[in-house]
Structures are given as structure tokens and as C-alpha cells.
């Protein structure tokens, strides 16, 4: 963890001043290596960005687990590809459990509440060994302002993660963060990193964007308490049954899922 943080800090410091708001494609191994816990969350229909926060847990945006008609997708439709770069991955796992906030409503009309709850925890089929990929930790304190960094995939850069060295948190309003980061379709769920000395932690995940006085701004989710709630909910729900074994409960029936998101991202 210390070595990874040192590499990230060295990389950020080495970038030229003009790159502060530019996207840097992480094409070389030495560029991409510190960020390989970030990956693509794929299905046959599209993708988002996600981040490993524990050996078997991925953090992303809740809306990435719905299709555009608002149908919840089954976990089996999702695959996390850690460190995906030009068709190669550091690790790949199927998703077996999806945990969304109770307050998240894909079709909800309260936009602030919707964005403020647009996070999801995904349990992977098997853990990814920490000697292969070291997960990122979540920032324990809410972030209301300051400089951050973003690593994301997106339309036009589907096969390569991009780093934005510096962008700014402009506001935190009721759990919805407003930022001037450079994101696009497919960047949903991307980690927003805060640097504190040698510590690099996830302060937010990208939800989408909004026009403010004619300028596009990125929206994100304030994480600390929400992630704690999602972890508690995941524990309460229990681990999913092994593959091939159906869990039968009285008065319930299984329902199918639908497509993920259209090719080109969300």
C-alpha cells in the first residue's frame, strides 16, 4: 500500500502543469500499475467504471446496475475487469451480489436524493489476492471542497483508463458533490481520489453530469456513511448461495434481468 501511494504521488508530481485539467491515457505499464484496482464494469451491452475497495468488493454507481428502462440487472450480468487496458486485465471476476442504497430510486424525481445515493457495492465471485491488486480505501471524512484526481474509462477511451491529475470539488450539497472534473459516458462509477500526504483514498464516485450556468459539471456521491451502510446491508443480506444452487424462500419467485447499458457507457 505504501509503495503504491508513493508511485501515485510521484506520477502526479511528475506531470507537467498544463496537465492539471487534461486527461492522461495510462497506456504504459508503469503509468497504469498504481491504478490497477480501477477497472471496467462490463456486460454484453455496455460498461461503467468501478474500483476494488476490498479483495472481493467493488464500488461503483448504482445506476450502472439498471437498464435504461429502470429494470434491475441480475448480478450474473456483470463482470469486473480490474486494470483493463487494451484488451488485457490484471484480474477478472463475475459479480455475485449487488447491494444498493434503500433510498436509491432509478426513476426518482428528486434529483439531489437520487445522485446522493447513486453508489453500489458489488461482491465478486472470488477475492482478488492483495499481492495481485491492492484495494483502495474509502476516505473516512466527507469532502466539501478541495483538489481531487479521477481515473476513469469513457466514450472514446473505452479500452484505456485515463487519469485527470487535478480537478476540484466545488460543493457538497446534501450528499451530492459537484465537481469540475472531465467525465463522460462510461465514467459513471469512477473513483474520485483525495490525496492526504502519502494517503490516496476514494472520496466520491462519479454519478453523472449537470449543466450549471451553461457549463458541464460532474456530479458525485459523498461516500463515508453511505459505504458503511452498504457494507452493513451486505452483511445483513448474507453471502449469496454457491453457483448452481438456488435459494428458495416462501412467497418469492425469481425474476429475470435485462440488458445493462448501451454500448458506449453510461
C-alpha atoms as a PDB file:
ATOM      1  CA  UNK A   1       0.000   0.000   0.000  1.00  0.00           C
ATOM      2  CA  UNK A   2       2.802   2.429   0.906  1.00  0.00           C
ATOM      3  CA  UNK A   3       4.689   1.648  -2.319  1.00  0.00           C
ATOM      4  CA  UNK A   4       1.578   2.156  -4.414  1.00  0.00           C
ATOM      5  CA  UNK A   5       0.872   5.524  -2.763  1.00  0.00           C
ATOM      6  CA  UNK A   6       4.458   6.622  -3.326  1.00  0.00           C
ATOM      7  CA  UNK A   7       4.225   5.690  -7.019  1.00  0.00           C
ATOM      8  CA  UNK A   8       0.964   7.602  -7.422  1.00  0.00           C
ATOM      9  CA  UNK A   9       2.331  10.718  -5.723  1.00  0.00           C
ATOM     10  CA  UNK A  10       5.475  10.567  -7.853  1.00  0.00           C
ATOM     11  CA  UNK A  11       3.374  10.241 -11.006  1.00  0.00           C
ATOM     12  CA  UNK A  12       1.141  13.173 -10.103  1.00  0.00           C
ATOM     13  CA  UNK A  13       4.127  15.346  -9.257  1.00  0.00           C
ATOM     14  CA  UNK A  14       5.915  14.444 -12.487  1.00  0.00           C
ATOM     15  CA  UNK A  15       3.093  15.535 -14.774  1.00  0.00           C
ATOM     16  CA  UNK A  16       3.535  18.976 -16.353  1.00  0.00           C
ATOM     17  CA  UNK A  17       1.484  21.934 -15.166  1.00  0.00           C
ATOM     18  CA  UNK A  18      -0.591  22.010 -18.344  1.00  0.00           C
ATOM     19  CA  UNK A  19      -1.925  18.541 -17.486  1.00  0.00           C
ATOM     20  CA  UNK A  20      -3.777  19.726 -14.403  1.00  0.00           C
ATOM     21  CA  UNK A  21      -7.143  19.558 -16.182  1.00  0.00           C
ATOM     22  CA  UNK A  22      -6.140  17.289 -19.086  1.00  0.00           C
ATOM     23  CA  UNK A  23      -6.800  13.566 -19.361  1.00  0.00           C
ATOM     24  CA  UNK A  24      -3.687  11.394 -19.435  1.00  0.00           C
ATOM     25  CA  UNK A  25      -4.118   7.977 -21.043  1.00  0.00           C
ATOM     26  CA  UNK A  26      -2.495   5.344 -18.811  1.00  0.00           C
ATOM     27  CA  UNK A  27      -1.008   3.465 -21.734  1.00  0.00           C
ATOM     28  CA  UNK A  28       2.299   2.313 -20.282  1.00  0.00           C
ATOM     29  CA  UNK A  29       2.593  -0.357 -17.596  1.00  0.00           C
ATOM     30  CA  UNK A  30       4.419   1.943 -15.199  1.00  0.00           C
ATOM     31  CA  UNK A  31       1.644   4.541 -15.606  1.00  0.00           C
ATOM     32  CA  UNK A  32      -1.236   2.117 -15.145  1.00  0.00           C
ATOM     33  CA  UNK A  33       0.209  -0.079 -12.384  1.00  0.00           C
ATOM     34  CA  UNK A  34      -0.632   2.156  -9.371  1.00  0.00           C
ATOM     35  CA  UNK A  35      -4.257   2.382 -10.549  1.00  0.00           C
ATOM     36  CA  UNK A  36      -4.955  -1.251 -11.426  1.00  0.00           C
ATOM     37  CA  UNK A  37      -7.634  -1.555  -8.717  1.00  0.00           C
ATOM     38  CA  UNK A  38      -9.733   0.611 -11.061  1.00  0.00           C
ATOM     39  CA  UNK A  39     -11.432  -1.371 -13.803  1.00  0.00           C
ATOM     40  CA  UNK A  40     -14.352  -1.676 -16.161  1.00  0.00           C
ATOM     41  CA  UNK A  41     -17.707  -2.992 -15.010  1.00  0.00           C
ATOM     42  CA  UNK A  42     -18.937  -4.790 -18.124  1.00  0.00           C
ATOM     43  CA  UNK A  43     -21.893  -6.629 -19.564  1.00  0.00           C
ATOM     44  CA  UNK A  44     -22.721  -7.623 -23.110  1.00  0.00           C
ATOM     45  CA  UNK A  45     -24.405  -4.233 -23.618  1.00  0.00           C
ATOM     46  CA  UNK A  46     -22.005  -1.662 -22.160  1.00  0.00           C
ATOM     47  CA  UNK A  47     -19.840  -0.594 -19.268  1.00  0.00           C
ATOM     48  CA  UNK A  48     -19.174   1.706 -16.329  1.00  0.00           C
ATOM     49  CA  UNK A  49     -16.077   2.236 -14.172  1.00  0.00           C
ATOM     50  CA  UNK A  50     -15.586   0.531 -10.807  1.00  0.00           C
ATOM     51  CA  UNK A  51     -12.935   0.240  -8.091  1.00  0.00           C
ATOM     52  CA  UNK A  52     -11.789  -2.575  -5.840  1.00  0.00           C
ATOM     53  CA  UNK A  53     -12.159  -1.486  -2.183  1.00  0.00           C
ATOM     54  CA  UNK A  54     -11.649  -4.947  -0.640  1.00  0.00           C
ATOM     55  CA  UNK A  55     -10.411  -8.227  -2.147  1.00  0.00           C
ATOM     56  CA  UNK A  56     -13.991  -9.196  -3.028  1.00  0.00           C
ATOM     57  CA  UNK A  57     -15.796  -5.807  -3.114  1.00  0.00           C
ATOM     58  CA  UNK A  58     -16.164  -3.309  -5.947  1.00  0.00           C
ATOM     59  CA  UNK A  59     -17.568   0.209  -5.569  1.00  0.00           C
ATOM     60  CA  UNK A  60     -19.409   1.793  -8.490  1.00  0.00           C
ATOM     61  CA  UNK A  61     -22.540   3.814  -9.301  1.00  0.00           C
ATOM     62  CA  UNK A  62     -25.950   2.312  -8.524  1.00  0.00           C
ATOM     63  CA  UNK A  63     -27.471   3.311 -11.865  1.00  0.00           C
ATOM     64  CA  UNK A  64     -24.923   1.063 -13.587  1.00  0.00           C
ATOM     65  CA  UNK A  65     -26.892  -1.914 -12.246  1.00  0.00           C
ATOM     66  CA  UNK A  66     -30.102  -0.919 -14.047  1.00  0.00           C
ATOM     67  CA  UNK A  67     -31.019  -0.903 -17.710  1.00  0.00           C
ATOM     68  CA  UNK A  68     -32.404   2.253 -19.299  1.00  0.00           C
ATOM     69  CA  UNK A  69     -35.966   1.129 -18.625  1.00  0.00           C
ATOM     70  CA  UNK A  70     -35.210   1.020 -14.906  1.00  0.00           C
ATOM     71  CA  UNK A  71     -35.087  -2.774 -14.598  1.00  0.00           C
ATOM     72  CA  UNK A  72     -32.675  -4.106 -12.018  1.00  0.00           C
ATOM     73  CA  UNK A  73     -29.971  -6.242 -13.560  1.00  0.00           C
ATOM     74  CA  UNK A  74     -29.089  -9.650 -12.123  1.00  0.00           C
ATOM     75  CA  UNK A  75     -25.640  -9.912 -10.615  1.00  0.00           C
ATOM     76  CA  UNK A  76     -24.744 -12.578 -13.171  1.00  0.00           C
ATOM     77  CA  UNK A  77     -24.943  -9.941 -15.932  1.00  0.00           C
ATOM     78  CA  UNK A  78     -21.982  -8.013 -14.528  1.00  0.00           C
ATOM     79  CA  UNK A  79     -18.246  -8.660 -14.811  1.00  0.00           C
ATOM     80  CA  UNK A  80     -15.498  -6.605 -13.183  1.00  0.00           C
ATOM     81  CA  UNK A  81     -12.269  -6.344 -15.174  1.00  0.00           C
ATOM     82  CA  UNK A  82      -9.608  -4.851 -12.929  1.00  0.00           C
ATOM     83  CA  UNK A  83      -6.879  -2.855 -14.642  1.00  0.00           C
ATOM     84  CA  UNK A  84      -8.466  -3.359 -18.067  1.00  0.00           C
ATOM     85  CA  UNK A  85      -6.085  -1.905 -20.631  1.00  0.00           C
ATOM     86  CA  UNK A  86      -6.111  -2.538 -24.378  1.00  0.00           C
ATOM     87  CA  UNK A  87      -7.915  -5.859 -24.022  1.00  0.00           C
ATOM     88  CA  UNK A  88      -5.785  -7.162 -21.150  1.00  0.00           C
ATOM     89  CA  UNK A  89      -6.760  -7.372 -17.480  1.00  0.00           C
ATOM     90  CA  UNK A  90      -4.990  -7.712 -14.150  1.00  0.00           C
ATOM     91  CA  UNK A  91      -7.879  -9.793 -12.813  1.00  0.00           C
ATOM     92  CA  UNK A  92     -11.423 -10.616 -13.889  1.00  0.00           C
ATOM     93  CA  UNK A  93     -14.355 -11.726 -11.753  1.00  0.00           C
ATOM     94  CA  UNK A  94     -18.093 -12.212 -12.128  1.00  0.00           C
ATOM     95  CA  UNK A  95     -20.371 -10.319  -9.751  1.00  0.00           C
ATOM     96  CA  UNK A  96     -22.480 -12.476  -7.422  1.00  0.00           C
ATOM     97  CA  UNK A  97     -24.190  -9.898  -5.185  1.00  0.00           C
ATOM     98  CA  UNK A  98     -25.455  -6.349  -5.691  1.00  0.00           C
ATOM     99  CA  UNK A  99     -26.236  -4.055  -2.747  1.00  0.00           C
ATOM    100  CA  UNK A 100     -27.861  -0.692  -3.458  1.00  0.00           C
ATOM    101  CA  UNK A 101     -28.950   2.049  -1.026  1.00  0.00           C
ATOM    102  CA  UNK A 102     -32.567   1.765   0.097  1.00  0.00           C
ATOM    103  CA  UNK A 103     -33.068   5.422  -0.841  1.00  0.00           C
ATOM    104  CA  UNK A 104     -31.859   4.993  -4.417  1.00  0.00           C
ATOM    105  CA  UNK A 105     -34.685   5.205  -6.955  1.00  0.00           C
ATOM    106  CA  UNK A 106     -33.616   4.947 -10.589  1.00  0.00           C
ATOM    107  CA  UNK A 107     -36.828   6.645 -11.712  1.00  0.00           C
ATOM    108  CA  UNK A 108     -36.996   9.042  -8.763  1.00  0.00           C
ATOM    109  CA  UNK A 109     -37.924  12.665  -9.394  1.00  0.00           C
ATOM    110  CA  UNK A 110     -35.860  14.096  -6.521  1.00  0.00           C
ATOM    111  CA  UNK A 111     -32.631  14.551  -8.427  1.00  0.00           C
ATOM    112  CA  UNK A 112     -30.433  15.511  -5.454  1.00  0.00           C
ATOM    113  CA  UNK A 113     -31.535  12.467  -3.443  1.00  0.00           C
ATOM    114  CA  UNK A 114     -31.027  10.249  -6.470  1.00  0.00           C
ATOM    115  CA  UNK A 115     -27.458  11.447  -7.055  1.00  0.00           C
ATOM    116  CA  UNK A 116     -26.589  11.423  -3.341  1.00  0.00           C
ATOM    117  CA  UNK A 117     -27.482   7.711  -3.209  1.00  0.00           C
ATOM    118  CA  UNK A 118     -26.023   6.673  -6.566  1.00  0.00           C
ATOM    119  CA  UNK A 119     -23.485   4.179  -5.213  1.00  0.00           C
ATOM    120  CA  UNK A 120     -23.417   0.398  -5.179  1.00  0.00           C
ATOM    121  CA  UNK A 121     -21.358  -2.378  -3.608  1.00  0.00           C
ATOM    122  CA  UNK A 122     -20.700  -5.473  -5.697  1.00  0.00           C
ATOM    123  CA  UNK A 123     -19.453  -8.751  -4.256  1.00  0.00           C
ATOM    124  CA  UNK A 124     -17.153 -10.715  -6.547  1.00  0.00           C
ATOM    125  CA  UNK A 125     -17.326 -14.460  -7.122  1.00  0.00           C
ATOM    126  CA  UNK A 126     -13.889 -14.952  -5.536  1.00  0.00           C
ATOM    127  CA  UNK A 127     -11.496 -12.488  -3.875  1.00  0.00           C
ATOM    128  CA  UNK A 128      -8.636 -10.943  -5.819  1.00  0.00           C
ATOM    129  CA  UNK A 129      -5.415 -11.562  -3.903  1.00  0.00           C
ATOM    130  CA  UNK A 130      -3.927  -8.407  -2.416  1.00  0.00           C
ATOM    131  CA  UNK A 131      -0.482  -9.292  -3.767  1.00  0.00           C
ATOM    132  CA  UNK A 132      -2.037  -9.059  -7.240  1.00  0.00           C
ATOM    133  CA  UNK A 133      -4.070  -5.892  -6.651  1.00  0.00           C
ATOM    134  CA  UNK A 134      -4.108  -3.737  -3.538  1.00  0.00           C
ATOM    135  CA  UNK A 135      -7.618  -2.287  -2.982  1.00  0.00           C
ATOM    136  CA  UNK A 136      -8.142   1.414  -2.390  1.00  0.00           C
ATOM    137  CA  UNK A 137      -9.587   2.601   0.917  1.00  0.00           C
ATOM    138  CA  UNK A 138     -12.560   4.944   1.214  1.00  0.00           C
ATOM    139  CA  UNK A 139     -11.915   8.398   2.675  1.00  0.00           C
ATOM    140  CA  UNK A 140     -13.391   8.345   6.226  1.00  0.00           C
ATOM    141  CA  UNK A 141     -14.410  12.022   6.237  1.00  0.00           C
ATOM    142  CA  UNK A 142     -16.862  13.867   3.971  1.00  0.00           C
ATOM    143  CA  UNK A 143     -15.163  16.116   1.444  1.00  0.00           C
ATOM    144  CA  UNK A 144     -16.733  19.534   0.900  1.00  0.00           C
ATOM    145  CA  UNK A 145     -14.060  21.214  -1.224  1.00  0.00           C
ATOM    146  CA  UNK A 146     -10.502  20.848  -2.442  1.00  0.00           C
ATOM    147  CA  UNK A 147      -8.471  19.231  -5.192  1.00  0.00           C
ATOM    148  CA  UNK A 148      -9.075  15.645  -6.275  1.00  0.00           C
ATOM    149  CA  UNK A 149      -7.983  13.232  -9.021  1.00  0.00           C
ATOM    150  CA  UNK A 150     -10.112  10.921 -11.176  1.00  0.00           C
ATOM    151  CA  UNK A 151      -9.309   7.681 -13.003  1.00  0.00           C
ATOM    152  CA  UNK A 152     -11.973   6.596 -15.468  1.00  0.00           C
ATOM    153  CA  UNK A 153     -12.943   4.927 -18.700  1.00  0.00           C
ATOM    154  CA  UNK A 154     -15.276   6.705 -21.086  1.00  0.00           C
ATOM    155  CA  UNK A 155     -16.623   7.182 -24.563  1.00  0.00           C
ATOM    156  CA  UNK A 156     -13.717   7.454 -26.994  1.00  0.00           C
ATOM    157  CA  UNK A 157     -11.335   5.886 -24.461  1.00  0.00           C
ATOM    158  CA  UNK A 158     -13.141   2.622 -23.824  1.00  0.00           C
ATOM    159  CA  UNK A 159     -10.039   0.428 -23.753  1.00  0.00           C
ATOM    160  CA  UNK A 160      -7.710   2.528 -21.669  1.00  0.00           C
ATOM    161  CA  UNK A 161      -8.094   4.172 -18.251  1.00  0.00           C
ATOM    162  CA  UNK A 162      -7.418   7.902 -18.155  1.00  0.00           C
ATOM    163  CA  UNK A 163      -6.114   9.973 -15.267  1.00  0.00           C
ATOM    164  CA  UNK A 164      -7.144  13.530 -14.583  1.00  0.00           C
ATOM    165  CA  UNK A 165      -4.442  14.745 -12.257  1.00  0.00           C
ATOM    166  CA  UNK A 166      -6.338  17.649 -10.741  1.00  0.00           C
ATOM    167  CA  UNK A 167      -9.919  18.808 -10.644  1.00  0.00           C
ATOM    168  CA  UNK A 168     -11.888  20.496  -7.893  1.00  0.00           C
ATOM    169  CA  UNK A 169     -14.776  19.716  -5.580  1.00  0.00           C
ATOM    170  CA  UNK A 170     -16.938  22.824  -5.830  1.00  0.00           C
ATOM    171  CA  UNK A 171     -19.701  21.906  -3.403  1.00  0.00           C
ATOM    172  CA  UNK A 172     -21.155  19.134  -1.262  1.00  0.00           C
ATOM    173  CA  UNK A 173     -24.915  19.606  -1.038  1.00  0.00           C
ATOM    174  CA  UNK A 174     -26.879  17.045   0.963  1.00  0.00           C
ATOM    175  CA  UNK A 175     -24.524  14.258  -0.058  1.00  0.00           C
ATOM    176  CA  UNK A 176     -24.319  15.284  -3.711  1.00  0.00           C
ATOM    177  CA  UNK A 177     -20.893  16.504  -4.768  1.00  0.00           C
ATOM    178  CA  UNK A 178     -20.402  18.980  -7.598  1.00  0.00           C
ATOM    179  CA  UNK A 179     -17.008  18.946  -9.346  1.00  0.00           C
ATOM    180  CA  UNK A 180     -15.286  20.368 -12.421  1.00  0.00           C
ATOM    181  CA  UNK A 181     -13.780  17.014 -13.445  1.00  0.00           C
ATOM    182  CA  UNK A 182     -13.623  15.759 -17.037  1.00  0.00           C
ATOM    183  CA  UNK A 183     -16.003  12.801 -17.310  1.00  0.00           C
ATOM    184  CA  UNK A 184     -18.265  11.344 -19.976  1.00  0.00           C
ATOM    185  CA  UNK A 185     -20.423   8.299 -20.803  1.00  0.00           C
ATOM    186  CA  UNK A 186     -18.761   5.242 -19.239  1.00  0.00           C
ATOM    187  CA  UNK A 187     -17.160   7.293 -16.461  1.00  0.00           C
ATOM    188  CA  UNK A 188     -20.098   6.588 -14.162  1.00  0.00           C
ATOM    189  CA  UNK A 189     -18.845   4.867 -11.027  1.00  0.00           C
ATOM    190  CA  UNK A 190     -15.307   6.194 -11.483  1.00  0.00           C
ATOM    191  CA  UNK A 191     -13.353   6.837  -8.271  1.00  0.00           C
ATOM    192  CA  UNK A 192     -12.638  10.401  -7.198  1.00  0.00           C
ATOM    193  CA  UNK A 193      -9.415  10.331  -5.175  1.00  0.00           C
ATOM    194  CA  UNK A 194      -8.307  12.613  -2.374  1.00  0.00           C
ATOM    195  CA  UNK A 195      -4.628  12.826  -1.524  1.00  0.00           C
ATOM    196  CA  UNK A 196      -3.578  13.460   2.067  1.00  0.00           C
ATOM    197  CA  UNK A 197       0.189  13.231   2.331  1.00  0.00           C
ATOM    198  CA  UNK A 198       1.043   9.713   1.187  1.00  0.00           C
ATOM    199  CA  UNK A 199      -2.556   8.519   1.580  1.00  0.00           C
ATOM    200  CA  UNK A 200      -4.677   8.151  -1.565  1.00  0.00           C
ATOM    201  CA  UNK A 201      -8.318   7.400  -0.773  1.00  0.00           C
ATOM    202  CA  UNK A 202     -11.649   7.393  -2.586  1.00  0.00           C
ATOM    203  CA  UNK A 203     -13.680  10.467  -1.664  1.00  0.00           C
ATOM    204  CA  UNK A 204     -16.519  10.006  -4.152  1.00  0.00           C
ATOM    205  CA  UNK A 205     -17.746   8.053  -7.161  1.00  0.00           C
ATOM    206  CA  UNK A 206     -18.914   9.746 -10.335  1.00  0.00           C
ATOM    207  CA  UNK A 207     -22.678   9.741 -10.846  1.00  0.00           C
ATOM    208  CA  UNK A 208     -23.096  11.855 -13.981  1.00  0.00           C
ATOM    209  CA  UNK A 209     -23.090  15.478 -15.029  1.00  0.00           C
ATOM    210  CA  UNK A 210     -25.271  18.563 -14.946  1.00  0.00           C
ATOM    211  CA  UNK A 211     -25.263  21.936 -16.677  1.00  0.00           C
ATOM    212  CA  UNK A 212     -24.619  24.850 -14.311  1.00  0.00           C
ATOM    213  CA  UNK A 213     -24.908  28.275 -15.932  1.00  0.00           C
ATOM    214  CA  UNK A 214     -24.108  26.689 -19.274  1.00  0.00           C
ATOM    215  CA  UNK A 215     -21.063  24.775 -18.002  1.00  0.00           C
ATOM    216  CA  UNK A 216     -20.993  20.993 -17.622  1.00  0.00           C
ATOM    217  CA  UNK A 217     -20.175  19.870 -14.098  1.00  0.00           C
ATOM    218  CA  UNK A 218     -19.572  16.366 -12.802  1.00  0.00           C
ATOM    219  CA  UNK A 219     -21.811  15.060 -10.028  1.00  0.00           C
ATOM    220  CA  UNK A 220     -20.677  12.536  -7.458  1.00  0.00           C
ATOM    221  CA  UNK A 221     -21.680  10.781  -4.265  1.00  0.00           C
ATOM    222  CA  UNK A 222     -20.402  11.655  -0.780  1.00  0.00           C
ATOM    223  CA  UNK A 223     -19.211   8.259   0.421  1.00  0.00           C
ATOM    224  CA  UNK A 224     -18.187   7.628   4.029  1.00  0.00           C
ATOM    225  CA  UNK A 225     -21.522   6.955   5.735  1.00  0.00           C
ATOM    226  CA  UNK A 226     -23.140   5.531   2.613  1.00  0.00           C
ATOM    227  CA  UNK A 227     -20.433   2.906   2.167  1.00  0.00           C
ATOM    228  CA  UNK A 228     -20.731   1.922   5.833  1.00  0.00           C
ATOM    229  CA  UNK A 229     -24.476   1.484   5.353  1.00  0.00           C
ATOM    230  CA  UNK A 230     -23.998  -0.619   2.221  1.00  0.00           C
ATOM    231  CA  UNK A 231     -21.467  -2.878   3.949  1.00  0.00           C
ATOM    232  CA  UNK A 232     -23.869  -3.410   6.848  1.00  0.00           C
ATOM    233  CA  UNK A 233     -26.680  -4.195   4.416  1.00  0.00           C
ATOM    234  CA  UNK A 234     -24.482  -6.690   2.570  1.00  0.00           C
ATOM    235  CA  UNK A 235     -23.687  -8.465   5.833  1.00  0.00           C
ATOM    236  CA  UNK A 236     -27.377  -8.499   6.788  1.00  0.00           C
ATOM    237  CA  UNK A 237     -28.365  -9.991   3.440  1.00  0.00           C
ATOM    238  CA  UNK A 238     -25.750 -12.708   3.802  1.00  0.00           C
ATOM    239  CA  UNK A 239     -23.483 -14.210   1.200  1.00  0.00           C
ATOM    240  CA  UNK A 240     -25.160 -15.454  -1.986  1.00  0.00           C
ATOM    241  CA  UNK A 241     -25.529 -19.225  -2.446  1.00  0.00           C
ATOM    242  CA  UNK A 242     -22.824 -21.033  -4.432  1.00  0.00           C
ATOM    243  CA  UNK A 243     -23.201 -21.053  -8.199  1.00  0.00           C
ATOM    244  CA  UNK A 244     -25.738 -23.605  -9.388  1.00  0.00           C
ATOM    245  CA  UNK A 245     -27.621 -23.663  -6.087  1.00  0.00           C
ATOM    246  CA  UNK A 246     -30.918 -21.816  -5.922  1.00  0.00           C
ATOM    247  CA  UNK A 247     -32.074 -20.236  -2.690  1.00  0.00           C
ATOM    248  CA  UNK A 248     -35.798 -20.884  -2.254  1.00  0.00           C
ATOM    249  CA  UNK A 249     -37.846 -18.692   0.073  1.00  0.00           C
ATOM    250  CA  UNK A 250     -41.538 -18.889   0.823  1.00  0.00           C
ATOM    251  CA  UNK A 251     -43.682 -16.443  -1.086  1.00  0.00           C
ATOM    252  CA  UNK A 252     -40.990 -15.375  -3.525  1.00  0.00           C
ATOM    253  CA  UNK A 253     -40.254 -16.057  -7.145  1.00  0.00           C
ATOM    254  CA  UNK A 254     -37.241 -15.374  -9.307  1.00  0.00           C
ATOM    255  CA  UNK A 255     -37.277 -12.645 -11.910  1.00  0.00           C
ATOM    256  CA  UNK A 256     -35.038 -12.153 -14.889  1.00  0.00           C
ATOM    257  CA  UNK A 257     -32.882  -9.187 -15.690  1.00  0.00           C
ATOM    258  CA  UNK A 258     -32.403  -7.283 -18.893  1.00  0.00           C
ATOM    259  CA  UNK A 259     -29.637  -5.548 -20.707  1.00  0.00           C
ATOM    260  CA  UNK A 260     -27.058  -3.405 -18.924  1.00  0.00           C
ATOM    261  CA  UNK A 261     -26.345  -0.101 -20.607  1.00  0.00           C
ATOM    262  CA  UNK A 262     -25.968   0.701 -24.257  1.00  0.00           C
ATOM    263  CA  UNK A 263     -22.546   0.257 -25.776  1.00  0.00           C
ATOM    264  CA  UNK A 264     -20.640   3.462 -25.253  1.00  0.00           C
ATOM    265  CA  UNK A 265     -21.095   3.583 -21.496  1.00  0.00           C
ATOM    266  CA  UNK A 266     -23.467   5.260 -19.099  1.00  0.00           C
END
